[in-house]
Amino acid sequence: MPRAQSSPAVADSAAAVEPLPSTYEAAVQELEALLARLESGQMPLDDLLGAYQRASALLAYCRSRLEAVEQQIRVVDGQQTRPWEPGA
């Protein structure tokens, strides 16, 4: 009985399961590199969905880390939020 070949969608979803970076900075660096590849127009069509899924996962990770830090700052500031002032 012949084996069924995996479709590009299956391969793409496997790429999206790749573990996230351990730091915010590493995630941003990977996201920037991935976006450059996506925007270049040189990525094969079969790789686009997987790259988009990875970028989406990295973006969600970065947002969650920023929200966690913001929450910690609120605790340190006694639950008072203040507008960010550059250079302050």
PDB file of N, CA and C in Angstrom:
ATOM      1  N   MET A   1       0.837  -1.175   0.000  1.00  0.00           N
ATOM      2  CA  MET A   1       0.000   0.000   0.000  1.00  0.00           C
ATOM      3  C   MET A   1       0.885   1.243   0.000  1.00  0.00           C
ATOM      4  N   PRO A   2       0.691   2.171  -0.944  1.00  0.00           N
ATOM      5  CA  PRO A   2       1.547   3.351  -1.013  1.00  0.00           C
ATOM      6  C   PRO A   2       1.285   4.292   0.155  1.00  0.00           C
ATOM      7  N   ARG A   3       2.367   4.927   0.605  1.00  0.00           N
ATOM      8  CA  ARG A   3       2.242   5.906   1.692  1.00  0.00           C
ATOM      9  C   ARG A   3       1.691   7.212   1.156  1.00  0.00           C
ATOM     10  N   ALA A   4       0.859   7.838   1.953  1.00  0.00           N
ATOM     11  CA  ALA A   4       0.346   9.155   1.575  1.00  0.00           C
ATOM     12  C   ALA A   4       1.439  10.186   1.796  1.00  0.00           C
ATOM     13  N   GLN A   5       1.608  11.052   0.837  1.00  0.00           N
ATOM     14  CA  GLN A   5       2.602  12.106   0.980  1.00  0.00           C
ATOM     15  C   GLN A   5       2.011  13.220   1.827  1.00  0.00           C
ATOM     16  N   SER A   6       2.848  13.837   2.653  1.00  0.00           N
ATOM     17  CA  SER A   6       2.357  14.944   3.466  1.00  0.00           C
ATOM     18  C   SER A   6       2.219  16.174   2.584  1.00  0.00           C
ATOM     19  N   SER A   7       1.171  16.916   2.837  1.00  0.00           N
ATOM     20  CA  SER A   7       0.920  18.122   2.056  1.00  0.00           C
ATOM     21  C   SER A   7       1.736  19.272   2.626  1.00  0.00           C
ATOM     22  N   PRO A   8       1.917  20.354   1.852  1.00  0.00           N
ATOM     23  CA  PRO A   8       2.637  21.514   2.369  1.00  0.00           C
ATOM     24  C   PRO A   8       1.983  22.074   3.628  1.00  0.00           C
ATOM     25  N   ALA A   9       0.662  21.984   3.736  1.00  0.00           N
ATOM     26  CA  ALA A   9      -0.024  22.503   4.920  1.00  0.00           C
ATOM     27  C   ALA A   9       0.401  21.751   6.170  1.00  0.00           C
ATOM     28  N   VAL A  10       0.620  20.442   6.045  1.00  0.00           N
ATOM     29  CA  VAL A  10       1.078  19.654   7.185  1.00  0.00           C
ATOM     30  C   VAL A  10       2.495  20.065   7.549  1.00  0.00           C
ATOM     31  N   ALA A  11       3.348  20.254   6.567  1.00  0.00           N
ATOM     32  CA  ALA A  11       4.719  20.679   6.824  1.00  0.00           C
ATOM     33  C   ALA A  11       4.741  22.071   7.446  1.00  0.00           C
ATOM     34  N   ASP A  12       3.865  22.964   6.968  1.00  0.00           N
ATOM     35  CA  ASP A  12       3.812  24.316   7.499  1.00  0.00           C
ATOM     36  C   ASP A  12       3.363  24.324   8.946  1.00  0.00           C
ATOM     37  N   SER A  13       2.384  23.502   9.296  1.00  0.00           N
ATOM     38  CA  SER A  13       1.918  23.491  10.676  1.00  0.00           C
ATOM     39  C   SER A  13       2.988  22.914  11.591  1.00  0.00           C
ATOM     40  N   ALA A  14       3.815  22.015  11.087  1.00  0.00           N
ATOM     41  CA  ALA A  14       4.914  21.486  11.887  1.00  0.00           C
ATOM     42  C   ALA A  14       5.928  22.589  12.168  1.00  0.00           C
ATOM     43  N   ALA A  15       6.166  23.466  11.202  1.00  0.00           N
ATOM     44  CA  ALA A  15       7.095  24.579  11.405  1.00  0.00           C
ATOM     45  C   ALA A  15       6.562  25.555  12.444  1.00  0.00           C
ATOM     46  N   ALA A  16       5.256  25.724  12.503  1.00  0.00           N
ATOM     47  CA  ALA A  16       4.651  26.650  13.445  1.00  0.00           C
ATOM     48  C   ALA A  16       4.741  26.136  14.876  1.00  0.00           C
ATOM     49  N   VAL A  17       4.990  24.824  15.071  1.00  0.00           N
ATOM     50  CA  VAL A  17       5.073  24.230  16.396  1.00  0.00           C
ATOM     51  C   VAL A  17       6.481  24.395  16.969  1.00  0.00           C
ATOM     52  N   GLU A  18       7.386  24.892  16.197  1.00  0.00           N
ATOM     53  CA  GLU A  18       8.759  25.121  16.643  1.00  0.00           C
ATOM     54  C   GLU A  18       8.753  25.922  17.950  1.00  0.00           C
ATOM     55  N   PRO A  19       9.589  25.572  18.921  1.00  0.00           N
ATOM     56  CA  PRO A  19       9.571  26.282  20.194  1.00  0.00           C
ATOM     57  C   PRO A  19       9.900  27.765  20.031  1.00  0.00           C
ATOM     58  N   LEU A  20       9.302  28.568  20.876  1.00  0.00           N
ATOM     59  CA  LEU A  20       9.538  30.004  20.831  1.00  0.00           C
ATOM     60  C   LEU A  20      10.895  30.327  21.456  1.00  0.00           C
ATOM     61  N   PRO A  21      11.490  31.429  21.055  1.00  0.00           N
ATOM     62  CA  PRO A  21      12.765  31.826  21.654  1.00  0.00           C
ATOM     63  C   PRO A  21      12.613  32.040  23.166  1.00  0.00           C
ATOM     64  N   SER A  22      13.729  31.993  23.858  1.00  0.00           N
ATOM     65  CA  SER A  22      13.678  32.123  25.315  1.00  0.00           C
ATOM     66  C   SER A  22      13.622  33.567  25.784  1.00  0.00           C
ATOM     67  N   THR A  23      13.929  34.516  24.904  1.00  0.00           N
ATOM     68  CA  THR A  23      13.893  35.928  25.308  1.00  0.00           C
ATOM     69  C   THR A  23      13.096  36.750  24.311  1.00  0.00           C
ATOM     70  N   TYR A  24      12.623  37.882  24.789  1.00  0.00           N
ATOM     71  CA  TYR A  24      11.894  38.832  23.944  1.00  0.00           C
ATOM     72  C   TYR A  24      12.792  39.301  22.803  1.00  0.00           C
ATOM     73  N   GLU A  25      14.035  39.628  23.127  1.00  0.00           N
ATOM     74  CA  GLU A  25      14.959  40.153  22.129  1.00  0.00           C
ATOM     75  C   GLU A  25      15.216  39.139  21.009  1.00  0.00           C
ATOM     76  N   ALA A  26      15.372  37.871  21.372  1.00  0.00           N
ATOM     77  CA  ALA A  26      15.578  36.826  20.366  1.00  0.00           C
ATOM     78  C   ALA A  26      14.343  36.673  19.491  1.00  0.00           C
ATOM     79  N   ALA A  27      13.159  36.790  20.092  1.00  0.00           N
ATOM     80  CA  ALA A  27      11.919  36.687  19.327  1.00  0.00           C
ATOM     81  C   ALA A  27      11.791  37.845  18.344  1.00  0.00           C
ATOM     82  N   VAL A  28      12.130  39.049  18.785  1.00  0.00           N
ATOM     83  CA  VAL A  28      12.065  40.217  17.898  1.00  0.00           C
ATOM     84  C   VAL A  28      13.058  40.059  16.754  1.00  0.00           C
ATOM     85  N   GLN A  29      14.248  39.590  17.060  1.00  0.00           N
ATOM     86  CA  GLN A  29      15.267  39.395  16.018  1.00  0.00           C
ATOM     87  C   GLN A  29      14.795  38.372  14.978  1.00  0.00           C
ATOM     88  N   GLU A  30      14.236  37.254  15.450  1.00  0.00           N
ATOM     89  CA  GLU A  30      13.731  36.244  14.516  1.00  0.00           C
ATOM     90  C   GLU A  30      12.566  36.783  13.705  1.00  0.00           C
ATOM     91  N   LEU A  31      11.690  37.528  14.364  1.00  0.00           N
ATOM     92  CA  LEU A  31      10.536  38.105  13.674  1.00  0.00           C
ATOM     93  C   LEU A  31      10.979  39.087  12.593  1.00  0.00           C
ATOM     94  N   GLU A  32      11.946  39.926  12.894  1.00  0.00           N
ATOM     95  CA  GLU A  32      12.446  40.881  11.904  1.00  0.00           C
ATOM     96  C   GLU A  32      13.060  40.168  10.700  1.00  0.00           C
ATOM     97  N   ALA A  33      13.836  39.115  10.949  1.00  0.00           N
ATOM     98  CA  ALA A  33      14.443  38.361   9.851  1.00  0.00           C
ATOM     99  C   ALA A  33      13.376  37.668   9.007  1.00  0.00           C
ATOM    100  N   LEU A  34      12.385  37.122   9.676  1.00  0.00           N
ATOM    101  CA  LEU A  34      11.306  36.437   8.968  1.00  0.00           C
ATOM    102  C   LEU A  34      10.490  37.419   8.127  1.00  0.00           C
ATOM    103  N   LEU A  35      10.210  38.585   8.682  1.00  0.00           N
ATOM    104  CA  LEU A  35       9.459  39.596   7.935  1.00  0.00           C
ATOM    105  C   LEU A  35      10.241  40.088   6.728  1.00  0.00           C
ATOM    106  N   ALA A  36      11.555  40.212   6.861  1.00  0.00           N
ATOM    107  CA  ALA A  36      12.376  40.619   5.719  1.00  0.00           C
ATOM    108  C   ALA A  36      12.276  39.588   4.601  1.00  0.00           C
ATOM    109  N   ARG A  37      12.299  38.304   4.978  1.00  0.00           N
ATOM    110  CA  ARG A  37      12.161  37.246   3.964  1.00  0.00           C
ATOM    111  C   ARG A  37      10.781  37.289   3.318  1.00  0.00           C
ATOM    112  N   LEU A  38       9.744  37.500   4.139  1.00  0.00           N
ATOM    113  CA  LEU A  38       8.386  37.558   3.595  1.00  0.00           C
ATOM    114  C   LEU A  38       8.227  38.739   2.643  1.00  0.00           C
ATOM    115  N   GLU A  39       8.761  39.888   3.041  1.00  0.00           N
ATOM    116  CA  GLU A  39       8.609  41.097   2.239  1.00  0.00           C
ATOM    117  C   GLU A  39       9.475  41.101   0.986  1.00  0.00           C
ATOM    118  N   SER A  40      10.511  40.279   0.958  1.00  0.00           N
ATOM    119  CA  SER A  40      11.407  40.262  -0.193  1.00  0.00           C
ATOM    120  C   SER A  40      10.733  39.713  -1.448  1.00  0.00           C
ATOM    121  N   GLY A  41       9.690  38.914  -1.248  1.00  0.00           N
ATOM    122  CA  GLY A  41       9.032  38.301  -2.387  1.00  0.00           C
ATOM    123  C   GLY A  41       9.791  37.115  -2.951  1.00  0.00           C
ATOM    124  N   GLN A  42      10.859  36.708  -2.302  1.00  0.00           N
ATOM    125  CA  GLN A  42      11.693  35.615  -2.796  1.00  0.00           C
ATOM    126  C   GLN A  42      11.376  34.277  -2.130  1.00  0.00           C
ATOM    127  N   MET A  43      10.436  34.254  -1.199  1.00  0.00           N
ATOM    128  CA  MET A  43      10.096  33.020  -0.492  1.00  0.00           C
ATOM    129  C   MET A  43       9.180  32.166  -1.370  1.00  0.00           C
ATOM    130  N   PRO A  44       9.474  30.882  -1.490  1.00  0.00           N
ATOM    131  CA  PRO A  44       8.608  30.002  -2.277  1.00  0.00           C
ATOM    132  C   PRO A  44       7.185  29.986  -1.696  1.00  0.00           C
ATOM    133  N   LEU A  45       6.232  29.862  -2.566  1.00  0.00           N
ATOM    134  CA  LEU A  45       4.828  29.890  -2.171  1.00  0.00           C
ATOM    135  C   LEU A  45       4.509  28.840  -1.112  1.00  0.00           C
ATOM    136  N   ASP A  46       5.099  27.672  -1.242  1.00  0.00           N
ATOM    137  CA  ASP A  46       4.828  26.600  -0.275  1.00  0.00           C
ATOM    138  C   ASP A  46       5.304  26.947   1.139  1.00  0.00           C
ATOM    139  N   ASP A  47       6.260  27.860   1.253  1.00  0.00           N
ATOM    140  CA  ASP A  47       6.790  28.241   2.564  1.00  0.00           C
ATOM    141  C   ASP A  47       6.057  29.422   3.191  1.00  0.00           C
ATOM    142  N   LEU A  48       5.247  30.126   2.412  1.00  0.00           N
ATOM    143  CA  LEU A  48       4.615  31.349   2.906  1.00  0.00           C
ATOM    144  C   LEU A  48       3.686  31.118   4.094  1.00  0.00           C
ATOM    145  N   LEU A  49       2.852  30.108   4.039  1.00  0.00           N
ATOM    146  CA  LEU A  49       1.905  29.876   5.126  1.00  0.00           C
ATOM    147  C   LEU A  49       2.628  29.549   6.424  1.00  0.00           C
ATOM    148  N   GLY A  50       3.618  28.687   6.359  1.00  0.00           N
ATOM    149  CA  GLY A  50       4.388  28.349   7.557  1.00  0.00           C
ATOM    150  C   GLY A  50       5.102  29.562   8.130  1.00  0.00           C
ATOM    151  N   ALA A  51       5.660  30.393   7.257  1.00  0.00           N
ATOM    152  CA  ALA A  51       6.351  31.598   7.709  1.00  0.00           C
ATOM    153  C   ALA A  51       5.371  32.569   8.350  1.00  0.00           C
ATOM    154  N   TYR A  52       4.195  32.689   7.757  1.00  0.00           N
ATOM    155  CA  TYR A  52       3.169  33.577   8.325  1.00  0.00           C
ATOM    156  C   TYR A  52       2.734  33.070   9.698  1.00  0.00           C
ATOM    157  N   GLN A  53       2.555  31.761   9.832  1.00  0.00           N
ATOM    158  CA  GLN A  53       2.152  31.190  11.118  1.00  0.00           C
ATOM    159  C   GLN A  53       3.239  31.410  12.168  1.00  0.00           C
ATOM    160  N   ARG A  54       4.489  31.234  11.791  1.00  0.00           N
ATOM    161  CA  ARG A  54       5.591  31.451  12.731  1.00  0.00           C
ATOM    162  C   ARG A  54       5.644  32.920  13.156  1.00  0.00           C
ATOM    163  N   ALA A  55       5.505  33.825  12.184  1.00  0.00           N
ATOM    164  CA  ALA A  55       5.510  35.253  12.501  1.00  0.00           C
ATOM    165  C   ALA A  55       4.370  35.598  13.450  1.00  0.00           C
ATOM    166  N   SER A  56       3.217  35.018  13.227  1.00  0.00           N
ATOM    167  CA  SER A  56       2.068  35.263  14.100  1.00  0.00           C
ATOM    168  C   SER A  56       2.343  34.768  15.521  1.00  0.00           C
ATOM    169  N   ALA A  57       2.955  33.589  15.645  1.00  0.00           N
ATOM    170  CA  ALA A  57       3.291  33.052  16.965  1.00  0.00           C
ATOM    171  C   ALA A  57       4.332  33.923  17.661  1.00  0.00           C
ATOM    172  N   LEU A  58       5.332  34.384  16.917  1.00  0.00           N
ATOM    173  CA  LEU A  58       6.356  35.255  17.495  1.00  0.00           C
ATOM    174  C   LEU A  58       5.758  36.583  17.950  1.00  0.00           C
ATOM    175  N   LEU A  59       4.869  37.129  17.150  1.00  0.00           N
ATOM    176  CA  LEU A  59       4.218  38.387  17.509  1.00  0.00           C
ATOM    177  C   LEU A  59       3.379  38.237  18.773  1.00  0.00           C
ATOM    178  N   ALA A  60       2.642  37.147  18.875  1.00  0.00           N
ATOM    179  CA  ALA A  60       1.836  36.896  20.074  1.00  0.00           C
ATOM    180  C   ALA A  60       2.743  36.747  21.300  1.00  0.00           C
ATOM    181  N   TYR A  61       3.873  36.065  21.147  1.00  0.00           N
ATOM    182  CA  TYR A  61       4.827  35.910  22.247  1.00  0.00           C
ATOM    183  C   TYR A  61       5.363  37.269  22.690  1.00  0.00           C
ATOM    184  N   CYS A  62       5.761  38.103  21.728  1.00  0.00           N
ATOM    185  CA  CYS A  62       6.299  39.430  22.053  1.00  0.00           C
ATOM    186  C   CYS A  62       5.255  40.281  22.773  1.00  0.00           C
ATOM    187  N   ARG A  63       4.043  40.244  22.285  1.00  0.00           N
ATOM    188  CA  ARG A  63       2.969  41.012  22.938  1.00  0.00           C
ATOM    189  C   ARG A  63       2.732  40.533  24.361  1.00  0.00           C
ATOM    190  N   SER A  64       2.748  39.223  24.566  1.00  0.00           N
ATOM    191  CA  SER A  64       2.502  38.697  25.912  1.00  0.00           C
ATOM    192  C   SER A  64       3.631  39.087  26.860  1.00  0.00           C
ATOM    193  N   ARG A  65       4.882  39.079  26.374  1.00  0.00           N
ATOM    194  CA  ARG A  65       6.010  39.496  27.217  1.00  0.00           C
ATOM    195  C   ARG A  65       5.909  40.971  27.569  1.00  0.00           C
ATOM    196  N   LEU A  66       5.530  41.804  26.601  1.00  0.00           N
ATOM    197  CA  LEU A  66       5.375  43.231  26.877  1.00  0.00           C
ATOM    198  C   LEU A  66       4.258  43.473  27.892  1.00  0.00           C
ATOM    199  N   GLU A  67       3.156  42.760  27.761  1.00  0.00           N
ATOM    200  CA  GLU A  67       2.052  42.896  28.715  1.00  0.00           C
ATOM    201  C   GLU A  67       2.483  42.458  30.110  1.00  0.00           C
ATOM    202  N   ALA A  68       3.294  41.395  30.199  1.00  0.00           N
ATOM    203  CA  ALA A  68       3.766  40.916  31.497  1.00  0.00           C
ATOM    204  C   ALA A  68       4.663  41.959  32.166  1.00  0.00           C
ATOM    205  N   VAL A  69       5.534  42.571  31.396  1.00  0.00           N
ATOM    206  CA  VAL A  69       6.407  43.606  31.947  1.00  0.00           C
ATOM    207  C   VAL A  69       5.581  44.820  32.364  1.00  0.00           C
ATOM    208  N   GLU A  70       4.622  45.189  31.545  1.00  0.00           N
ATOM    209  CA  GLU A  70       3.743  46.315  31.894  1.00  0.00           C
ATOM    210  C   GLU A  70       3.014  46.047  33.206  1.00  0.00           C
ATOM    211  N   GLN A  71       2.546  44.821  33.393  1.00  0.00           N
ATOM    212  CA  GLN A  71       1.858  44.453  34.632  1.00  0.00           C
ATOM    213  C   GLN A  71       2.815  44.546  35.821  1.00  0.00           C
ATOM    214  N   GLN A  72       4.043  44.109  35.648  1.00  0.00           N
ATOM    215  CA  GLN A  72       5.026  44.193  36.725  1.00  0.00           C
ATOM    216  C   GLN A  72       5.325  45.646  37.088  1.00  0.00           C
ATOM    217  N   ILE A  73       5.384  46.504  36.081  1.00  0.00           N
ATOM    218  CA  ILE A  73       5.626  47.930  36.328  1.00  0.00           C
ATOM    219  C   ILE A  73       4.466  48.521  37.122  1.00  0.00           C
ATOM    220  N   ARG A  74       3.241  48.115  36.792  1.00  0.00           N
ATOM    221  CA  ARG A  74       2.084  48.597  37.549  1.00  0.00           C
ATOM    222  C   ARG A  74       2.187  48.199  39.018  1.00  0.00           C
ATOM    223  N   VAL A  75       2.641  46.987  39.275  1.00  0.00           N
ATOM    224  CA  VAL A  75       2.788  46.526  40.656  1.00  0.00           C
ATOM    225  C   VAL A  75       3.849  47.358  41.373  1.00  0.00           C
ATOM    226  N   VAL A  76       4.969  47.578  40.699  1.00  0.00           N
ATOM    227  CA  VAL A  76       6.047  48.365  41.300  1.00  0.00           C
ATOM    228  C   VAL A  76       5.581  49.803  41.567  1.00  0.00           C
ATOM    229  N   ASP A  77       4.807  50.350  40.651  1.00  0.00           N
ATOM    230  CA  ASP A  77       4.310  51.721  40.792  1.00  0.00           C
ATOM    231  C   ASP A  77       3.051  51.803  41.657  1.00  0.00           C
ATOM    232  N   GLY A  78       2.672  50.722  42.292  1.00  0.00           N
ATOM    233  CA  GLY A  78       1.497  50.744  43.156  1.00  0.00           C
ATOM    234  C   GLY A  78       0.193  50.858  42.395  1.00  0.00           C
ATOM    235  N   GLN A  79       0.101  50.167  41.270  1.00  0.00           N
ATOM    236  CA  GLN A  79      -1.104  50.123  40.428  1.00  0.00           C
ATOM    237  C   GLN A  79      -1.431  51.469  39.776  1.00  0.00           C
ATOM    238  N   GLN A  80      -0.541  52.414  39.833  1.00  0.00           N
ATOM    239  CA  GLN A  80      -0.773  53.696  39.182  1.00  0.00           C
ATOM    240  C   GLN A  80      -0.091  53.675  37.820  1.00  0.00           C
ATOM    241  N   THR A  81      -0.849  53.940  36.802  1.00  0.00           N
ATOM    242  CA  THR A  81      -0.243  54.008  35.475  1.00  0.00           C
ATOM    243  C   THR A  81       0.030  55.466  35.148  1.00  0.00           C
ATOM    244  N   ARG A  82       1.154  55.681  34.539  1.00  0.00           N
ATOM    245  CA  ARG A  82       1.539  57.024  34.133  1.00  0.00           C
ATOM    246  C   ARG A  82       1.912  56.971  32.663  1.00  0.00           C
ATOM    247  N   PRO A  83       1.683  58.035  31.939  1.00  0.00           N
ATOM    248  CA  PRO A  83       2.122  58.035  30.548  1.00  0.00           C
ATOM    249  C   PRO A  83       3.635  57.984  30.472  1.00  0.00           C
ATOM    250  N   TRP A  84       4.117  57.292  29.461  1.00  0.00           N
ATOM    251  CA  TRP A  84       5.557  57.188  29.270  1.00  0.00           C
ATOM    252  C   TRP A  84       6.080  58.503  28.754  1.00  0.00           C
ATOM    253  N   GLU A  85       7.159  58.948  29.372  1.00  0.00           N
ATOM    254  CA  GLU A  85       7.781  60.203  28.956  1.00  0.00           C
ATOM    255  C   GLU A  85       9.204  59.899  28.501  1.00  0.00           C
ATOM    256  N   PRO A  86       9.481  60.092  27.198  1.00  0.00           N
ATOM    257  CA  PRO A  86      10.830  59.792  26.713  1.00  0.00           C
ATOM    258  C   PRO A  86      11.868  60.650  27.431  1.00  0.00           C
ATOM    259  N   GLY A  87      12.972  60.006  27.782  1.00  0.00           N
ATOM    260  CA  GLY A  87      14.074  60.726  28.423  1.00  0.00           C
ATOM    261  C   GLY A  87      13.850  61.033  29.882  1.00  0.00           C
ATOM    262  N   ALA A  88      12.736  60.582  30.449  1.00  0.00           N
ATOM    263  CA  ALA A  88      12.465  60.893  31.857  1.00  0.00           C
ATOM    264  C   ALA A  88      13.165  59.930  32.766  1.00  0.00           C
TER     265      ALA A  88
END
